[in-house]
């Protein structure tokens, strides 16, 4: 079934549906051994070792319906089979130095389960520089028999960082950190409720949610109202009457694949060794050329200069570090990509 059937049938009110019903027939290979004393186990059917069940599903026809299965709870748990994420903390001027940095591997919480917090002690912004690496599974993204993923690329649509300026005691009474930890630990929603499919978004946990635009076929990451109460975006300067400073602040580093910047400021994130053209057409060989031709006046050098200050050391560090990341992760600009994130907050 395709567009010739469903074109023009989409409904935002979920009034148009496809109803699917199928019978699953399976043979129990364990019961003949485990239940010899009970010849009617595991059921009372004509064949005692045959099991049948009927599966039914109601699938709404909505605009952007091709995305419906991509934001369901089960699909999110399967994402780990397609991609994962590493976070590299610090900077390095060579591949050998890179091996000595703190690298958090496979940190993507695709099952939305609570994760143990990792504490990393650093004594400078340079040693706290974060590199976010998207690691697409080669066996999934590479073109091959039975697969049509050659034209797909991984994209970093949204990135929000949360800046806590407390003493790190999450158990302290009424601390912002304790509230953030509580919200992150709350159970998220599936994309359905008692009325059926929820098409406009759902909570990932108590702190973040997806907002979905079905007509545009896009989803965006947003903080929940509860998180915004504890950690606002761009809080105003305190009044001169000794108003307390905000100790928890949210910052958008990526929004809709764009690196935003406040008026008079510079972006707080960037993609390193980005594909010179379309990400879907990029290859590891193309990024090899980008890395080889990286110079001290590159965008990578300019970005690190905004963090570490103007110096020959910084200008030389940027291309060296980018090449070390490329060597470790085989960046290809399509499904293996890396981003630098400024850990500081101005």
Protein backbone atom coordinates (compact mmCIF):
# COMPACT_ATOMS: atom_id res chain seq x y z
CA UNK A 1 0.00 0.00 0.00
CA UNK A 2 1.36 3.41 -0.87
CA UNK A 3 0.50 6.97 -1.78
CA UNK A 4 -2.12 5.84 -4.29
CA UNK A 5 -4.15 4.61 -1.32
CA UNK A 6 -3.29 7.03 1.47
CA UNK A 7 -2.66 10.30 -0.36
CA UNK A 8 -5.07 12.87 1.03
CA UNK A 9 -6.27 10.58 3.82
CA UNK A 10 -4.10 12.00 6.62
CA UNK A 11 -5.98 13.43 9.57
CA UNK A 12 -4.63 15.32 12.56
CA UNK A 13 -7.68 14.19 14.55
CA UNK A 14 -6.68 10.52 14.14
CA UNK A 15 -9.99 9.76 12.44
CA UNK A 16 -8.40 7.73 9.62
CA UNK A 17 -6.75 4.46 10.62
CA UNK A 18 -5.33 1.26 9.20
CA UNK A 19 -6.44 -1.82 11.12
CA UNK A 20 -4.10 -4.80 11.08
CA UNK A 21 -4.89 -8.25 12.47
CA UNK A 22 -2.74 -11.33 12.20
CA UNK A 23 -2.49 -14.76 13.79
CA UNK A 24 0.85 -15.99 15.14
CA UNK A 25 1.22 -19.76 15.20
CA UNK A 26 4.22 -21.18 17.10
CA UNK A 27 5.41 -24.59 18.24
CA UNK A 28 6.60 -24.97 21.83
CA UNK A 29 9.83 -26.99 21.66
CA UNK A 30 10.28 -27.08 25.45
CA UNK A 31 6.87 -28.35 26.57
CA UNK A 32 7.21 -31.90 25.10
CA UNK A 33 10.12 -32.54 27.46
CA UNK A 34 8.97 -30.53 30.46
CA UNK A 35 5.35 -31.68 30.48
CA UNK A 36 5.34 -35.36 29.51
CA UNK A 37 3.11 -36.10 32.49
CA UNK A 38 0.49 -33.66 31.22
CA UNK A 39 -0.29 -34.41 27.54
CA UNK A 40 -2.61 -31.39 27.23
CA UNK A 41 0.06 -28.83 28.21
CA UNK A 42 0.66 -26.05 27.33
CA UNK A 43 -2.91 -25.59 26.10
CA UNK A 44 -6.04 -27.57 25.44
CA UNK A 45 -5.87 -27.26 21.66
CA UNK A 46 -5.88 -30.10 19.17
CA UNK A 47 -2.09 -30.09 19.17
CA UNK A 48 -0.90 -29.82 22.80
CA UNK A 49 2.40 -28.21 21.80
CA UNK A 50 0.99 -25.66 19.38
CA UNK A 51 0.41 -22.07 20.56
CA UNK A 52 -1.64 -19.46 18.75
CA UNK A 53 -2.33 -15.81 19.45
CA UNK A 54 -3.94 -12.97 17.55
CA UNK A 55 -2.19 -9.63 17.29
CA UNK A 56 -4.10 -6.50 16.36
CA UNK A 57 -2.99 -2.94 15.76
CA UNK A 58 -4.63 0.34 14.84
CA UNK A 59 -2.27 2.65 12.95
CA UNK A 60 -3.41 6.27 12.42
CA UNK A 61 -2.87 7.85 9.02
CA UNK A 62 -1.27 11.18 9.80
CA UNK A 63 0.87 13.68 7.94
CA UNK A 64 4.47 12.56 8.23
CA UNK A 65 3.23 9.09 9.08
CA UNK A 66 6.47 7.53 7.94
CA UNK A 67 7.89 8.87 11.21
CA UNK A 68 5.22 7.34 13.45
CA UNK A 69 7.21 4.22 14.20
CA UNK A 70 10.43 6.18 14.74
CA UNK A 71 9.23 7.90 17.90
CA UNK A 72 7.46 5.05 19.63
CA UNK A 73 8.90 3.66 22.83
CA UNK A 74 10.00 0.39 21.24
CA UNK A 75 11.74 2.17 18.37
CA UNK A 76 13.67 4.30 20.84
CA UNK A 77 14.98 1.23 22.64
CA UNK A 78 16.12 -0.24 19.33
CA UNK A 79 18.13 2.86 18.46
CA UNK A 80 21.20 1.41 20.16
CA UNK A 81 21.40 -1.07 17.28
CA UNK A 82 21.77 1.84 14.86
CA UNK A 83 23.97 4.38 16.66
CA UNK A 84 25.55 5.40 19.94
CA UNK A 85 27.50 8.30 21.42
CA UNK A 86 30.89 8.86 23.03
CA UNK A 87 31.93 11.95 25.00
CA UNK A 88 35.62 12.86 25.08
CA UNK A 89 36.59 15.21 27.93
CA UNK A 90 39.64 17.40 27.46
CA UNK A 91 41.91 18.11 24.49
CA UNK A 92 44.91 16.38 22.94
CA UNK A 93 47.53 17.28 20.39
CA UNK A 94 48.08 13.71 19.20
CA UNK A 95 46.43 10.30 19.04
CA UNK A 96 48.69 9.12 21.86
CA UNK A 97 47.54 11.96 24.13
CA UNK A 98 43.93 11.22 23.19
CA UNK A 99 44.19 7.72 24.67
CA UNK A 100 44.97 9.29 28.05
CA UNK A 101 41.85 11.47 28.14
CA UNK A 102 38.64 10.54 29.94
CA UNK A 103 36.33 9.02 27.32
CA UNK A 104 32.76 8.11 28.24
CA UNK A 105 31.76 5.39 25.79
CA UNK A 106 28.27 4.46 24.57
CA UNK A 107 26.47 6.94 26.79
CA UNK A 108 23.31 7.31 24.71
CA UNK A 109 20.37 6.39 26.94
CA UNK A 110 18.18 4.97 24.21
CA UNK A 111 16.09 2.99 26.68
CA UNK A 112 15.46 6.16 28.73
CA UNK A 113 16.56 4.38 31.90
CA UNK A 114 18.29 6.27 34.74
CA UNK A 115 22.06 6.44 34.38
CA UNK A 116 24.69 6.74 37.07
CA UNK A 117 26.19 10.22 37.09
CA UNK A 118 29.86 10.52 36.17
CA UNK A 119 31.96 13.08 38.05
CA UNK A 120 35.01 14.40 36.22
CA UNK A 121 37.44 16.68 38.04
CA UNK A 122 39.08 19.30 35.82
CA UNK A 123 41.21 22.32 36.61
CA UNK A 124 40.68 24.35 33.41
CA UNK A 125 38.22 24.95 30.58
CA UNK A 126 40.68 23.28 28.20
CA UNK A 127 40.67 20.08 30.22
CA UNK A 128 36.87 20.19 30.36
CA UNK A 129 36.31 20.75 26.61
CA UNK A 130 33.71 18.22 25.47
CA UNK A 131 33.73 16.37 22.17
CA UNK A 132 30.44 14.65 21.33
CA UNK A 133 30.93 11.82 18.83
CA UNK A 134 28.02 10.29 16.93
CA UNK A 135 28.86 6.68 16.10
CA UNK A 136 26.55 5.29 13.46
CA UNK A 137 26.66 1.52 12.98
CA UNK A 138 28.51 0.84 9.73
CA UNK A 139 26.52 -2.34 9.05
CA UNK A 140 23.31 -0.29 9.17
CA UNK A 141 24.31 2.82 7.22
CA UNK A 142 26.48 1.23 4.54
CA UNK A 143 24.60 0.34 1.38
CA UNK A 144 24.18 -3.36 0.79
CA UNK A 145 21.76 -6.15 -0.13
CA UNK A 146 18.36 -5.60 1.43
CA UNK A 147 19.30 -2.15 2.74
CA UNK A 148 18.49 1.27 1.36
CA UNK A 149 20.36 3.48 3.82
CA UNK A 150 23.03 4.81 1.49
CA UNK A 151 21.27 8.17 1.21
CA UNK A 152 20.75 8.61 4.97
CA UNK A 153 22.90 10.64 7.33
CA UNK A 154 22.96 11.11 11.08
CA UNK A 155 22.17 14.65 12.22
CA UNK A 156 22.49 16.40 15.58
CA UNK A 157 19.18 18.26 15.60
CA UNK A 158 19.17 19.65 19.14
CA UNK A 159 21.59 19.88 22.03
CA UNK A 160 20.83 21.49 25.38
CA UNK A 161 23.46 21.70 28.12
CA UNK A 162 22.63 22.28 31.75
CA UNK A 163 25.07 24.37 33.82
CA UNK A 164 24.98 23.80 37.58
CA UNK A 165 26.97 26.21 39.69
CA UNK A 166 26.66 24.57 43.09
CA UNK A 167 28.99 22.51 45.24
CA UNK A 168 28.03 19.20 43.64
CA UNK A 169 26.01 17.94 46.60
CA UNK A 170 22.89 16.51 44.98
CA UNK A 171 21.54 15.41 48.35
CA UNK A 172 21.59 18.92 49.81
CA UNK A 173 18.16 20.11 50.89
CA UNK A 174 16.45 22.31 48.27
CA UNK A 175 19.50 22.26 45.98
CA UNK A 176 19.01 22.81 42.26
CA UNK A 177 21.11 19.74 41.53
CA UNK A 178 18.83 17.56 43.66
CA UNK A 179 15.80 18.83 41.72
CA UNK A 180 17.49 18.18 38.37
CA UNK A 181 18.44 14.65 39.42
CA UNK A 182 14.85 14.05 40.57
CA UNK A 183 13.39 15.24 37.26
CA UNK A 184 15.81 13.19 35.18
CA UNK A 185 14.85 10.10 37.16
CA UNK A 186 11.11 10.40 36.49
CA UNK A 187 9.57 7.92 34.09
CA UNK A 188 8.97 9.24 30.59
CA UNK A 189 5.90 8.86 28.41
CA UNK A 190 5.27 6.68 25.42
CA UNK A 191 3.81 8.41 22.37
CA UNK A 192 0.31 7.21 23.19
CA UNK A 193 -2.33 7.74 25.82
CA UNK A 194 -5.81 6.43 26.63
CA UNK A 195 -7.16 8.10 23.50
CA UNK A 196 -4.60 6.54 21.16
CA UNK A 197 -1.53 7.99 19.50
CA UNK A 198 -0.22 11.28 20.86
CA UNK A 199 0.98 13.11 17.78
CA UNK A 200 2.26 16.40 19.18
CA UNK A 201 4.98 15.14 21.51
CA UNK A 202 5.72 13.41 24.80
CA UNK A 203 8.02 13.60 27.80
CA UNK A 204 11.32 11.73 27.70
CA UNK A 205 11.55 12.12 31.48
CA UNK A 206 10.65 14.82 33.98
CA UNK A 207 13.24 17.23 32.57
CA UNK A 208 13.02 17.00 28.77
CA UNK A 209 10.36 16.35 26.15
CA UNK A 210 9.93 15.99 22.40
CA UNK A 211 7.71 18.44 20.58
CA UNK A 212 6.61 17.00 17.22
CA UNK A 213 5.50 18.85 14.11
CA UNK A 214 3.80 16.20 11.96
CA UNK A 215 3.24 18.51 9.01
CA UNK A 216 6.95 19.33 8.82
CA UNK A 217 8.04 15.83 9.82
CA UNK A 218 10.32 17.18 12.56
CA UNK A 219 10.79 16.81 16.30
CA UNK A 220 12.58 19.17 18.65
CA UNK A 221 14.06 18.73 22.11
CA UNK A 222 12.59 21.05 24.75
CA UNK A 223 12.87 21.38 28.53
CA UNK A 224 9.75 20.64 30.53
CA UNK A 225 8.02 23.39 32.48
CA UNK A 226 9.30 21.80 35.70
CA UNK A 227 12.92 22.01 34.56
CA UNK A 228 12.51 25.62 33.40
CA UNK A 229 11.33 26.55 36.89
CA UNK A 230 14.59 25.25 38.32
CA UNK A 231 16.93 26.15 35.44
CA UNK A 232 15.87 28.99 33.12
CA UNK A 233 17.28 29.95 29.73
CA UNK A 234 19.36 33.15 29.69
CA UNK A 235 18.30 34.49 33.10
CA UNK A 236 18.31 38.30 33.47
CA UNK A 237 21.03 40.04 35.40
CA UNK A 238 20.24 40.29 39.12
CA UNK A 239 18.96 43.61 40.36
CA UNK A 240 21.30 45.73 42.49
CA UNK A 241 19.27 44.90 45.62
CA UNK A 242 21.38 41.79 46.26
CA UNK A 243 19.14 39.44 44.30
CA UNK A 244 20.64 35.94 44.29
CA UNK A 245 22.38 34.66 41.18
CA UNK A 246 20.86 31.73 39.32
CA UNK A 247 22.77 28.57 40.20
CA UNK A 248 21.31 26.43 37.37
CA UNK A 249 21.05 27.62 33.77
CA UNK A 250 20.04 25.96 30.50
CA UNK A 251 21.83 26.72 27.25
CA UNK A 252 20.97 25.77 23.68
CA UNK A 253 24.11 24.68 21.86
CA UNK A 254 22.35 23.21 18.81
CA UNK A 255 18.84 24.01 17.63
CA UNK A 256 17.42 22.62 14.42
CA UNK A 257 20.96 21.67 13.27
CA UNK A 258 22.05 25.30 13.70
CA UNK A 259 24.61 26.53 16.24
CA UNK A 260 22.86 29.53 17.80
CA UNK A 261 24.60 32.39 19.59
CA UNK A 262 23.33 35.15 21.82
CA UNK A 263 23.66 38.72 20.61
CA UNK A 264 27.32 39.74 20.83
CA UNK A 265 28.46 36.21 21.67
CA UNK A 266 29.87 33.33 19.63
CA UNK A 267 28.40 29.84 19.12
CA UNK A 268 29.05 27.42 21.95
CA UNK A 269 29.31 24.33 19.73
CA UNK A 270 30.54 23.38 16.27
CA UNK A 271 30.99 20.32 14.10
CA UNK A 272 34.63 19.51 13.51
CA UNK A 273 35.79 18.30 10.10
CA UNK A 274 32.33 18.92 8.68
CA UNK A 275 31.51 17.67 5.20
CA UNK A 276 32.11 20.41 2.62
CA UNK A 277 28.89 19.52 0.82
CA UNK A 278 25.81 17.46 1.59
CA UNK A 279 26.25 15.15 4.57
CA UNK A 280 24.43 12.41 2.65
CA UNK A 281 27.15 12.43 -0.01
CA UNK A 282 30.11 12.57 2.37
CA UNK A 283 32.61 9.73 2.79
CA UNK A 284 35.58 8.96 4.99
CA UNK A 285 37.88 9.73 2.05
CA UNK A 286 36.36 13.22 1.75
CA UNK A 287 36.90 13.88 5.46
CA UNK A 288 40.45 12.53 5.13
CA UNK A 289 41.06 15.38 2.70
CA UNK A 290 39.43 17.94 5.00
CA UNK A 291 41.60 16.80 7.92
CA UNK A 292 44.78 16.80 5.84
CA UNK A 293 44.17 20.37 4.66
CA UNK A 294 43.19 21.75 8.07
CA UNK A 295 45.23 24.86 8.85
CA UNK A 296 45.71 27.19 11.80
CA UNK A 297 43.17 29.67 10.41
CA UNK A 298 40.42 27.04 10.19
CA UNK A 299 37.00 27.29 11.84
CA UNK A 300 38.24 24.74 14.36
CA UNK A 301 41.09 27.05 15.39
CA UNK A 302 38.77 30.05 15.56
CA UNK A 303 36.37 28.12 17.82
CA UNK A 304 39.05 27.02 20.28
CA UNK A 305 40.40 30.56 20.33
CA UNK A 306 37.05 31.80 21.66
CA UNK A 307 37.38 29.31 24.51
CA UNK A 308 41.08 29.23 25.31
CA UNK A 309 42.20 32.64 24.11
CA UNK A 310 44.33 33.90 21.23
CA UNK A 311 47.68 32.10 21.07
CA UNK A 312 49.85 30.08 18.72
CA UNK A 313 49.33 27.09 21.02
CA UNK A 314 45.56 27.21 20.56
CA UNK A 315 45.79 27.63 16.80
CA UNK A 316 48.07 24.60 16.56
CA UNK A 317 46.07 22.52 19.05
CA UNK A 318 42.79 22.76 17.11
CA UNK A 319 43.83 20.98 13.87
CA UNK A 320 45.96 18.46 15.79
CA UNK A 321 43.09 17.54 18.10
CA UNK A 322 40.58 17.33 15.24
CA UNK A 323 42.89 14.95 13.37
CA UNK A 324 43.31 12.78 16.49
CA UNK A 325 39.52 12.50 16.85
CA UNK A 326 39.24 11.61 13.16
CA UNK A 327 41.91 8.92 13.47
CA UNK A 328 40.16 7.30 16.42
CA UNK A 329 36.58 7.42 15.14
CA UNK A 330 36.99 7.33 11.35
CA UNK A 331 34.75 10.35 10.87
CA UNK A 332 32.98 10.40 7.51
CA UNK A 333 30.70 13.41 7.75
CA UNK A 334 27.62 11.23 7.23
CA UNK A 335 27.00 8.82 10.08
CA UNK A 336 30.21 9.23 12.11
CA UNK A 337 30.47 12.87 13.15
CA UNK A 338 31.98 14.88 16.01
CA UNK A 339 31.13 18.16 17.75
CA UNK A 340 33.04 20.39 20.14
CA UNK A 341 31.07 21.91 23.02
CA UNK A 342 32.24 24.80 25.19
CA UNK A 343 31.87 23.67 28.82
CA UNK A 344 31.98 27.21 30.21
CA UNK A 345 29.09 29.59 30.74
CA UNK A 346 29.47 33.34 30.33
